C-alpha atoms as a PDB file:
ATOM      1  CA  UNK A   1       0.000   0.000   0.000  1.00  0.00           C
ATOM      2  CA  UNK A   2       2.706   2.463   0.961  1.00  0.00           C
ATOM      3  CA  UNK A   3       4.816   1.676  -2.127  1.00  0.00           C
ATOM      4  CA  UNK A   4       1.863   2.156  -4.492  1.00  0.00           C
ATOM      5  CA  UNK A   5       1.093   5.440  -2.762  1.00  0.00           C
ATOM      6  CA  UNK A   6       4.679   6.659  -3.235  1.00  0.00           C
ATOM      7  CA  UNK A   7       4.514   5.839  -6.961  1.00  0.00           C
ATOM      8  CA  UNK A   8       1.655   8.320  -7.242  1.00  0.00           C
ATOM      9  CA  UNK A   9       3.486  11.162  -5.538  1.00  0.00           C
ATOM     10  CA  UNK A  10       4.418  14.262  -7.583  1.00  0.00           C
ATOM     11  CA  UNK A  11       8.196  13.765  -7.367  1.00  0.00           C
ATOM     12  CA  UNK A  12      10.937  12.567  -9.662  1.00  0.00           C
ATOM     13  CA  UNK A  13      11.759   8.910 -10.254  1.00  0.00           C
ATOM     14  CA  UNK A  14      14.967   9.161  -8.220  1.00  0.00           C
ATOM     15  CA  UNK A  15      13.100  10.509  -5.195  1.00  0.00           C
ATOM     16  CA  UNK A  16      10.526   7.721  -5.491  1.00  0.00           C
ATOM     17  CA  UNK A  17      13.237   5.068  -5.782  1.00  0.00           C
ATOM     18  CA  UNK A  18      15.022   6.432  -2.712  1.00  0.00           C
ATOM     19  CA  UNK A  19      11.824   6.399  -0.697  1.00  0.00           C
ATOM     20  CA  UNK A  20      10.763   2.910  -1.753  1.00  0.00           C
ATOM     21  CA  UNK A  21      14.218   1.480  -1.043  1.00  0.00           C
ATOM     22  CA  UNK A  22      14.322   3.203   2.317  1.00  0.00           C
ATOM     23  CA  UNK A  23      10.900   1.936   3.384  1.00  0.00           C
ATOM     24  CA  UNK A  24      11.539  -1.598   2.156  1.00  0.00           C
ATOM     25  CA  UNK A  25      14.634  -1.739   4.363  1.00  0.00           C
ATOM     26  CA  UNK A  26      12.471  -0.693   7.298  1.00  0.00           C
ATOM     27  CA  UNK A  27       9.876  -3.397   6.687  1.00  0.00           C
ATOM     28  CA  UNK A  28      12.499  -6.139   6.306  1.00  0.00           C
ATOM     29  CA  UNK A  29      13.891  -5.289   9.745  1.00  0.00           C
ATOM     30  CA  UNK A  30      10.566  -5.401  11.575  1.00  0.00           C
ATOM     31  CA  UNK A  31       9.034  -8.527  13.163  1.00  0.00           C
ATOM     32  CA  UNK A  32       5.471  -9.256  12.201  1.00  0.00           C
ATOM     33  CA  UNK A  33       2.532  -8.321  14.422  1.00  0.00           C
ATOM     34  CA  UNK A  34      -0.892  -9.885  14.053  1.00  0.00           C
ATOM     35  CA  UNK A  35      -3.448  -7.081  14.250  1.00  0.00           C
ATOM     36  CA  UNK A  36      -3.755  -3.392  13.532  1.00  0.00           C
ATOM     37  CA  UNK A  37      -3.904  -2.581  17.239  1.00  0.00           C
ATOM     38  CA  UNK A  38      -0.704  -4.549  17.831  1.00  0.00           C
ATOM     39  CA  UNK A  39       1.080  -2.588  15.094  1.00  0.00           C
ATOM     40  CA  UNK A  40      -0.081   0.661  16.700  1.00  0.00           C
ATOM     41  CA  UNK A  41       1.073  -0.520  20.125  1.00  0.00           C
ATOM     42  CA  UNK A  42       4.446  -1.521  18.682  1.00  0.00           C
ATOM     43  CA  UNK A  43       4.755   1.885  17.009  1.00  0.00           C
ATOM     44  CA  UNK A  44       3.950   3.659  20.271  1.00  0.00           C
ATOM     45  CA  UNK A  45       6.495   1.569  22.185  1.00  0.00           C
ATOM     46  CA  UNK A  46       9.232   2.310  19.680  1.00  0.00           C
ATOM     47  CA  UNK A  47       8.311   5.975  19.497  1.00  0.00           C
ATOM     48  CA  UNK A  48       8.664   6.271  23.275  1.00  0.00           C
ATOM     49  CA  UNK A  49      12.214   4.921  22.870  1.00  0.00           C
ATOM     50  CA  UNK A  50      12.960   7.406  20.032  1.00  0.00           C
ATOM     51  CA  UNK A  51      13.316   4.474  17.626  1.00  0.00           C
ATOM     52  CA  UNK A  52      12.062   6.431  14.626  1.00  0.00           C
ATOM     53  CA  UNK A  53      12.864   3.774  12.047  1.00  0.00           C
ATOM     54  CA  UNK A  54      11.043   1.037  13.930  1.00  0.00           C
ATOM     55  CA  UNK A  55       8.101   3.257  14.829  1.00  0.00           C
ATOM     56  CA  UNK A  56       7.703   4.491  11.262  1.00  0.00           C
ATOM     57  CA  UNK A  57       7.537   0.961   9.939  1.00  0.00           C
ATOM     58  CA  UNK A  58       5.070  -0.223  12.594  1.00  0.00           C
ATOM     59  CA  UNK A  59       2.696   2.664  11.855  1.00  0.00           C
ATOM     60  CA  UNK A  60       3.039   2.036   8.124  1.00  0.00           C
ATOM     61  CA  UNK A  61       2.107  -1.599   8.670  1.00  0.00           C
ATOM     62  CA  UNK A  62      -1.034  -0.376  10.426  1.00  0.00           C
ATOM     63  CA  UNK A  63      -1.778   1.844   7.426  1.00  0.00           C
ATOM     64  CA  UNK A  64      -1.490  -1.223   5.224  1.00  0.00           C
ATOM     65  CA  UNK A  65      -4.468  -2.631   7.115  1.00  0.00           C
ATOM     66  CA  UNK A  66      -6.390   0.649   7.331  1.00  0.00           C
ATOM     67  CA  UNK A  67      -5.179   3.448   4.993  1.00  0.00           C
ATOM     68  CA  UNK A  68      -7.567   5.917   6.677  1.00  0.00           C
ATOM     69  CA  UNK A  69      -6.373   5.357  10.241  1.00  0.00           C
ATOM     70  CA  UNK A  70      -5.900   8.929  11.487  1.00  0.00           C
ATOM     71  CA  UNK A  71      -3.588   8.103  14.387  1.00  0.00           C
ATOM     72  CA  UNK A  72      -1.342   5.983  12.181  1.00  0.00           C
ATOM     73  CA  UNK A  73      -1.251   8.643   9.458  1.00  0.00           C
ATOM     74  CA  UNK A  74       0.000  11.527  11.577  1.00  0.00           C
ATOM     75  CA  UNK A  75       2.337   9.329  13.603  1.00  0.00           C
ATOM     76  CA  UNK A  76       3.899   7.935  10.419  1.00  0.00           C
ATOM     77  CA  UNK A  77       4.350  11.511   9.212  1.00  0.00           C
ATOM     78  CA  UNK A  78       5.962  12.510  12.498  1.00  0.00           C
ATOM     79  CA  UNK A  79       8.388   9.572  12.557  1.00  0.00           C
ATOM     80  CA  UNK A  80       9.355   9.999   8.902  1.00  0.00           C
ATOM     81  CA  UNK A  81      10.018  13.687   9.526  1.00  0.00           C
ATOM     82  CA  UNK A  82      12.273  12.793  12.467  1.00  0.00           C
ATOM     83  CA  UNK A  83      14.045  10.156  10.390  1.00  0.00           C
ATOM     84  CA  UNK A  84      14.670  12.587   7.548  1.00  0.00           C
ATOM     85  CA  UNK A  85      15.851  15.320   9.891  1.00  0.00           C
ATOM     86  CA  UNK A  86      18.444  12.955  11.376  1.00  0.00           C
ATOM     87  CA  UNK A  87      19.915  11.971   7.995  1.00  0.00           C
ATOM     88  CA  UNK A  88      23.279  13.508   7.052  1.00  0.00           C
ATOM     89  CA  UNK A  89      23.125  16.860   5.279  1.00  0.00           C
ATOM     90  CA  UNK A  90      24.692  15.310   2.202  1.00  0.00           C
ATOM     91  CA  UNK A  91      21.624  13.123   1.618  1.00  0.00           C
ATOM     92  CA  UNK A  92      19.617  16.082   0.370  1.00  0.00           C
ATOM     93  CA  UNK A  93      17.442  14.224  -2.131  1.00  0.00           C
ATOM     94  CA  UNK A  94      16.411  11.514   0.314  1.00  0.00           C
ATOM     95  CA  UNK A  95      15.723  14.061   3.061  1.00  0.00           C
ATOM     96  CA  UNK A  96      13.570  16.159   0.749  1.00  0.00           C
ATOM     97  CA  UNK A  97      11.709  13.100  -0.548  1.00  0.00           C
ATOM     98  CA  UNK A  98      10.922  11.925   2.991  1.00  0.00           C
ATOM     99  CA  UNK A  99       9.742  15.366   4.082  1.00  0.00           C
ATOM    100  CA  UNK A 100       7.502  15.429   1.011  1.00  0.00           C
ATOM    101  CA  UNK A 101       6.064  12.034   1.969  1.00  0.00           C
ATOM    102  CA  UNK A 102       5.440  13.251   5.534  1.00  0.00           C
ATOM    103  CA  UNK A 103       3.635  16.323   4.226  1.00  0.00           C
ATOM    104  CA  UNK A 104       1.437  14.187   1.977  1.00  0.00           C
ATOM    105  CA  UNK A 105       0.625  11.826   4.847  1.00  0.00           C
ATOM    106  CA  UNK A 106      -0.510  14.849   6.860  1.00  0.00           C
ATOM    107  CA  UNK A 107      -2.757  15.891   3.983  1.00  0.00           C
ATOM    108  CA  UNK A 108      -4.329  12.442   4.126  1.00  0.00           C
ATOM    109  CA  UNK A 109      -4.732  12.734   7.899  1.00  0.00           C
ATOM    110  CA  UNK A 110      -6.426  16.122   7.531  1.00  0.00           C
ATOM    111  CA  UNK A 111      -8.754  14.716   4.869  1.00  0.00           C
ATOM    112  CA  UNK A 112      -9.741  11.894   7.245  1.00  0.00           C
ATOM    113  CA  UNK A 113     -10.188  14.171  10.276  1.00  0.00           C
ATOM    114  CA  UNK A 114     -10.192  17.910   9.466  1.00  0.00           C
ATOM    115  CA  UNK A 115     -10.760  18.815  13.122  1.00  0.00           C
ATOM    116  CA  UNK A 116      -7.756  16.825  14.359  1.00  0.00           C
ATOM    117  CA  UNK A 117      -5.048  19.222  15.486  1.00  0.00           C
ATOM    118  CA  UNK A 118      -2.206  16.737  15.020  1.00  0.00           C
ATOM    119  CA  UNK A 119      -2.565  16.561  11.232  1.00  0.00           C
ATOM    120  CA  UNK A 120      -2.293  20.337  10.937  1.00  0.00           C
ATOM    121  CA  UNK A 121       0.597  20.595  13.387  1.00  0.00           C
ATOM    122  CA  UNK A 122       2.747  17.901  11.799  1.00  0.00           C
ATOM    123  CA  UNK A 123       2.024  19.363   8.367  1.00  0.00           C
ATOM    124  CA  UNK A 124       3.424  22.677   9.635  1.00  0.00           C
ATOM    125  CA  UNK A 125       6.545  20.829  10.823  1.00  0.00           C
ATOM    126  CA  UNK A 126       6.988  18.932   7.537  1.00  0.00           C
ATOM    127  CA  UNK A 127       6.545  22.137   5.531  1.00  0.00           C
ATOM    128  CA  UNK A 128       9.076  23.866   7.750  1.00  0.00           C
ATOM    129  CA  UNK A 129      11.606  21.145   6.979  1.00  0.00           C
ATOM    130  CA  UNK A 130      10.804  21.281   3.264  1.00  0.00           C
ATOM    131  CA  UNK A 131      11.258  25.050   3.270  1.00  0.00           C
ATOM    132  CA  UNK A 132      14.937  24.518   4.100  1.00  0.00           C
ATOM    133  CA  UNK A 133      15.421  23.180   0.573  1.00  0.00           C
ATOM    134  CA  UNK A 134      13.923  26.279  -1.054  1.00  0.00           C
ATOM    135  CA  UNK A 135      15.424  29.571  -2.142  1.00  0.00           C
ATOM    136  CA  UNK A 136      14.756  32.750  -0.183  1.00  0.00           C
ATOM    137  CA  UNK A 137      11.587  33.823  -1.992  1.00  0.00           C
ATOM    138  CA  UNK A 138      10.210  30.283  -2.029  1.00  0.00           C
ATOM    139  CA  UNK A 139      10.796  30.072   1.732  1.00  0.00           C
ATOM    140  CA  UNK A 140       8.569  33.122   2.200  1.00  0.00           C
ATOM    141  CA  UNK A 141       5.806  31.462   0.192  1.00  0.00           C
ATOM    142  CA  UNK A 142       6.137  28.293   2.284  1.00  0.00           C
ATOM    143  CA  UNK A 143       5.971  30.406   5.433  1.00  0.00           C
ATOM    144  CA  UNK A 144       2.406  31.420   4.691  1.00  0.00           C
ATOM    145  CA  UNK A 145       1.220  27.794   4.735  1.00  0.00           C
ATOM    146  CA  UNK A 146       3.325  26.950   7.811  1.00  0.00           C
ATOM    147  CA  UNK A 147       1.716  29.762   9.783  1.00  0.00           C
ATOM    148  CA  UNK A 148      -1.784  28.775   8.675  1.00  0.00           C
ATOM    149  CA  UNK A 149      -1.322  25.150   9.729  1.00  0.00           C
ATOM    150  CA  UNK A 150       0.191  26.049  13.112  1.00  0.00           C
ATOM    151  CA  UNK A 151      -2.614  28.513  13.823  1.00  0.00           C
ATOM    152  CA  UNK A 152      -5.203  25.891  12.862  1.00  0.00           C
ATOM    153  CA  UNK A 153      -3.589  23.402  15.255  1.00  0.00           C
ATOM    154  CA  UNK A 154      -3.867  25.948  18.089  1.00  0.00           C
ATOM    155  CA  UNK A 155      -7.461  26.751  17.168  1.00  0.00           C
ATOM    156  CA  UNK A 156      -8.269  23.047  17.516  1.00  0.00           C
ATOM    157  CA  UNK A 157      -6.101  22.533  20.619  1.00  0.00           C
ATOM    158  CA  UNK A 158      -5.208  25.684  22.602  1.00  0.00           C
ATOM    159  CA  UNK A 159      -2.733  23.634  24.674  1.00  0.00           C
ATOM    160  CA  UNK A 160      -0.640  22.493  21.697  1.00  0.00           C
ATOM    161  CA  UNK A 161       2.569  24.017  23.024  1.00  0.00           C
ATOM    162  CA  UNK A 162       4.705  22.853  20.127  1.00  0.00           C
ATOM    163  CA  UNK A 163       2.395  24.703  17.732  1.00  0.00           C
ATOM    164  CA  UNK A 164       3.033  27.887  19.726  1.00  0.00           C
ATOM    165  CA  UNK A 165       6.731  27.083  19.361  1.00  0.00           C
ATOM    166  CA  UNK A 166       6.341  26.879  15.575  1.00  0.00           C
ATOM    167  CA  UNK A 167       4.630  30.271  15.572  1.00  0.00           C
ATOM    168  CA  UNK A 168       7.335  31.677  17.829  1.00  0.00           C
ATOM    169  CA  UNK A 169       9.985  30.537  15.363  1.00  0.00           C
ATOM    170  CA  UNK A 170       7.886  31.834  12.479  1.00  0.00           C
ATOM    171  CA  UNK A 171       7.677  35.349  13.909  1.00  0.00           C
ATOM    172  CA  UNK A 172      11.326  35.253  14.983  1.00  0.00           C
ATOM    173  CA  UNK A 173      12.504  34.427  11.477  1.00  0.00           C
ATOM    174  CA  UNK A 174      10.101  36.694   9.604  1.00  0.00           C
ATOM    175  CA  UNK A 175      10.904  39.662  11.857  1.00  0.00           C
ATOM    176  CA  UNK A 176      14.624  39.336  11.196  1.00  0.00           C
ATOM    177  CA  UNK A 177      14.789  38.798   7.441  1.00  0.00           C
ATOM    178  CA  UNK A 178      17.304  40.696   5.373  1.00  0.00           C
ATOM    179  CA  UNK A 179      15.875  43.759   3.631  1.00  0.00           C
ATOM    180  CA  UNK A 180      15.434  42.022   0.253  1.00  0.00           C
ATOM    181  CA  UNK A 181      13.356  39.154   1.656  1.00  0.00           C
ATOM    182  CA  UNK A 182      11.559  41.552   3.994  1.00  0.00           C
ATOM    183  CA  UNK A 183      10.407  43.575   0.998  1.00  0.00           C
ATOM    184  CA  UNK A 184       9.301  40.397  -0.768  1.00  0.00           C
ATOM    185  CA  UNK A 185       7.395  39.290   2.337  1.00  0.00           C
ATOM    186  CA  UNK A 186       5.511  42.578   2.322  1.00  0.00           C
ATOM    187  CA  UNK A 187       4.389  41.823  -1.227  1.00  0.00           C
ATOM    188  CA  UNK A 188       3.310  38.275  -0.320  1.00  0.00           C
ATOM    189  CA  UNK A 189       1.478  39.278   2.866  1.00  0.00           C
ATOM    190  CA  UNK A 190       0.474  42.778   1.869  1.00  0.00           C
ATOM    191  CA  UNK A 191       1.461  45.977   3.655  1.00  0.00           C
ATOM    192  CA  UNK A 192       3.169  45.695   7.029  1.00  0.00           C
ATOM    193  CA  UNK A 193       5.906  43.142   7.791  1.00  0.00           C
ATOM    194  CA  UNK A 194       4.243  39.840   8.725  1.00  0.00           C
ATOM    195  CA  UNK A 195       6.308  38.960  11.792  1.00  0.00           C
ATOM    196  CA  UNK A 196       7.443  40.638  14.995  1.00  0.00           C
ATOM    197  CA  UNK A 197       9.879  39.778  17.773  1.00  0.00           C
ATOM    198  CA  UNK A 198       7.269  40.848  20.326  1.00  0.00           C
ATOM    199  CA  UNK A 199       4.810  38.266  19.008  1.00  0.00           C
ATOM    200  CA  UNK A 200       7.593  35.691  18.929  1.00  0.00           C
ATOM    201  CA  UNK A 201       8.220  36.305  22.640  1.00  0.00           C
ATOM    202  CA  UNK A 202       4.496  35.989  23.374  1.00  0.00           C
ATOM    203  CA  UNK A 203       4.321  32.656  21.518  1.00  0.00           C
ATOM    204  CA  UNK A 204       7.328  31.193  23.327  1.00  0.00           C
ATOM    205  CA  UNK A 205       6.048  32.414  26.688  1.00  0.00           C
ATOM    206  CA  UNK A 206       2.715  30.724  26.028  1.00  0.00           C
ATOM    207  CA  UNK A 207       4.521  27.511  25.042  1.00  0.00           C
ATOM    208  CA  UNK A 208       6.531  27.682  28.282  1.00  0.00           C
ATOM    209  CA  UNK A 209       3.386  28.305  30.307  1.00  0.00           C
ATOM    210  CA  UNK A 210       1.954  25.038  28.956  1.00  0.00           C
ATOM    211  CA  UNK A 211       5.194  23.012  28.980  1.00  0.00           C
ATOM    212  CA  UNK A 212       7.736  24.712  31.293  1.00  0.00           C
ATOM    213  CA  UNK A 213      10.176  21.784  31.131  1.00  0.00           C
ATOM    214  CA  UNK A 214      10.536  21.890  27.329  1.00  0.00           C
ATOM    215  CA  UNK A 215      14.115  23.082  26.850  1.00  0.00           C
ATOM    216  CA  UNK A 216      13.716  24.139  23.230  1.00  0.00           C
ATOM    217  CA  UNK A 217      11.095  26.753  24.204  1.00  0.00           C
ATOM    218  CA  UNK A 218      13.547  28.518  26.529  1.00  0.00           C
ATOM    219  CA  UNK A 219      16.375  28.300  23.987  1.00  0.00           C
ATOM    220  CA  UNK A 220      14.359  29.920  21.212  1.00  0.00           C
ATOM    221  CA  UNK A 221      12.975  32.545  23.589  1.00  0.00           C
ATOM    222  CA  UNK A 222      16.593  33.453  24.359  1.00  0.00           C
ATOM    223  CA  UNK A 223      17.333  33.690  20.641  1.00  0.00           C
ATOM    224  CA  UNK A 224      14.471  36.107  20.110  1.00  0.00           C
ATOM    225  CA  UNK A 225      15.663  38.240  23.030  1.00  0.00           C
ATOM    226  CA  UNK A 226      19.087  38.271  21.373  1.00  0.00           C
ATOM    227  CA  UNK A 227      17.556  39.738  18.209  1.00  0.00           C
ATOM    228  CA  UNK A 228      15.837  42.336  20.383  1.00  0.00           C
ATOM    229  CA  UNK A 229      19.032  43.232  22.235  1.00  0.00           C
ATOM    230  CA  UNK A 230      17.500  42.299  25.603  1.00  0.00           C
ATOM    231  CA  UNK A 231      20.601  40.784  27.155  1.00  0.00           C
ATOM    232  CA  UNK A 232      19.353  40.242  30.700  1.00  0.00           C
ATOM    233  CA  UNK A 233      16.239  38.434  29.514  1.00  0.00           C
ATOM    234  CA  UNK A 234      18.279  36.450  27.014  1.00  0.00           C
ATOM    235  CA  UNK A 235      20.689  35.295  29.710  1.00  0.00           C
ATOM    236  CA  UNK A 236      17.847  34.337  32.067  1.00  0.00           C
ATOM    237  CA  UNK A 237      16.235  32.197  29.349  1.00  0.00           C
ATOM    238  CA  UNK A 238      19.565  30.529  28.565  1.00  0.00           C
ATOM    239  CA  UNK A 239      20.227  29.782  32.224  1.00  0.00           C
ATOM    240  CA  UNK A 240      16.800  28.219  32.527  1.00  0.00           C
ATOM    241  CA  UNK A 241      17.379  26.055  29.447  1.00  0.00           C
ATOM    242  CA  UNK A 242      20.706  24.849  30.807  1.00  0.00           C
ATOM    243  CA  UNK A 243      19.326  24.125  34.287  1.00  0.00           C
ATOM    244  CA  UNK A 244      16.382  22.003  33.162  1.00  0.00           C
ATOM    245  CA  UNK A 245      16.750  18.199  33.199  1.00  0.00           C
ATOM    246  CA  UNK A 246      17.087  16.444  29.848  1.00  0.00           C
ATOM    247  CA  UNK A 247      13.861  14.491  29.346  1.00  0.00           C
ATOM    248  CA  UNK A 248      13.428  14.330  25.582  1.00  0.00           C
ATOM    249  CA  UNK A 249      15.392  13.384  22.528  1.00  0.00           C
ATOM    250  CA  UNK A 250      17.505  16.330  21.505  1.00  0.00           C
ATOM    251  CA  UNK A 251      17.501  17.994  24.924  1.00  0.00           C
ATOM    252  CA  UNK A 252      21.247  17.561  25.431  1.00  0.00           C
ATOM    253  CA  UNK A 253      21.841  19.198  22.070  1.00  0.00           C
ATOM    254  CA  UNK A 254      19.580  22.129  22.962  1.00  0.00           C
ATOM    255  CA  UNK A 255      21.411  22.584  26.275  1.00  0.00           C
ATOM    256  CA  UNK A 256      24.781  22.524  24.555  1.00  0.00           C
ATOM    257  CA  UNK A 257      23.551  25.149  22.088  1.00  0.00           C
ATOM    258  CA  UNK A 258      22.384  27.270  25.022  1.00  0.00           C
ATOM    259  CA  UNK A 259      25.804  26.972  26.670  1.00  0.00           C
ATOM    260  CA  UNK A 260      27.545  27.979  23.447  1.00  0.00           C
ATOM    261  CA  UNK A 261      25.230  30.941  22.999  1.00  0.00           C
ATOM    262  CA  UNK A 262      25.908  32.038  26.574  1.00  0.00           C
ATOM    263  CA  UNK A 263      29.672  31.717  26.126  1.00  0.00           C
ATOM    264  CA  UNK A 264      29.780  33.410  22.710  1.00  0.00           C
ATOM    265  CA  UNK A 265      27.646  36.410  23.605  1.00  0.00           C
ATOM    266  CA  UNK A 266      29.103  39.471  25.296  1.00  0.00           C
ATOM    267  CA  UNK A 267      26.937  40.234  28.316  1.00  0.00           C
ATOM    268  CA  UNK A 268      29.427  42.717  29.728  1.00  0.00           C
ATOM    269  CA  UNK A 269      27.796  45.774  28.154  1.00  0.00           C
ATOM    270  CA  UNK A 270      24.395  45.312  29.775  1.00  0.00           C
END
């Protein structure tokens, strides 16, 4: 089912071949479960262990039994996005192909359950990853869809802290574009610049209010304060990020980035 779906995707033959080969390797390495619920349970178990390859395959096996299973659709998209993000930078074509697949899986999830916040949120994430492969002007065009999907996720679930994080990053990046892209963004969005550091701060603060132990929220809040020249607030956010316990995949990397930012920045002239 998954292979036939990939063959219908709007991408080149090389991208399709890379995806099919990648997913076939996953399925060969996975023991067989008996029922759809067992595949879902296996996917959840592997996801909790940050085994993205194993989780992606288990959820895809569930989709083979029920192609409209909402939970399996958005979880497959999430795990494939994580897999692609972890690939080496040199594997550009495979990364882009996997992000494209994740985005399409989110579209299917949204079609199955339009009022499910997860489909919209993980689509925003997949689009954000895909935007990295675009030129400057194309990134701005992608940004419009990313914002819309993140805002829809929050509309459907006001406690979706990671969606607030996406919006915080969105405003942070749009507010600090170079003048050429800033002018282009005005054309795309019409009139005033579409992003602001103040809104970025508000989004990260809301994310922290919901999930105060999420290190990445504090790190990106510090980055926004850096753009704003608010050194004392930046340092406080960095110290908080560093002090928090590492509970999630990637937390050690976020803490190391916070330490480097603290060491590299000159706080002496506060």
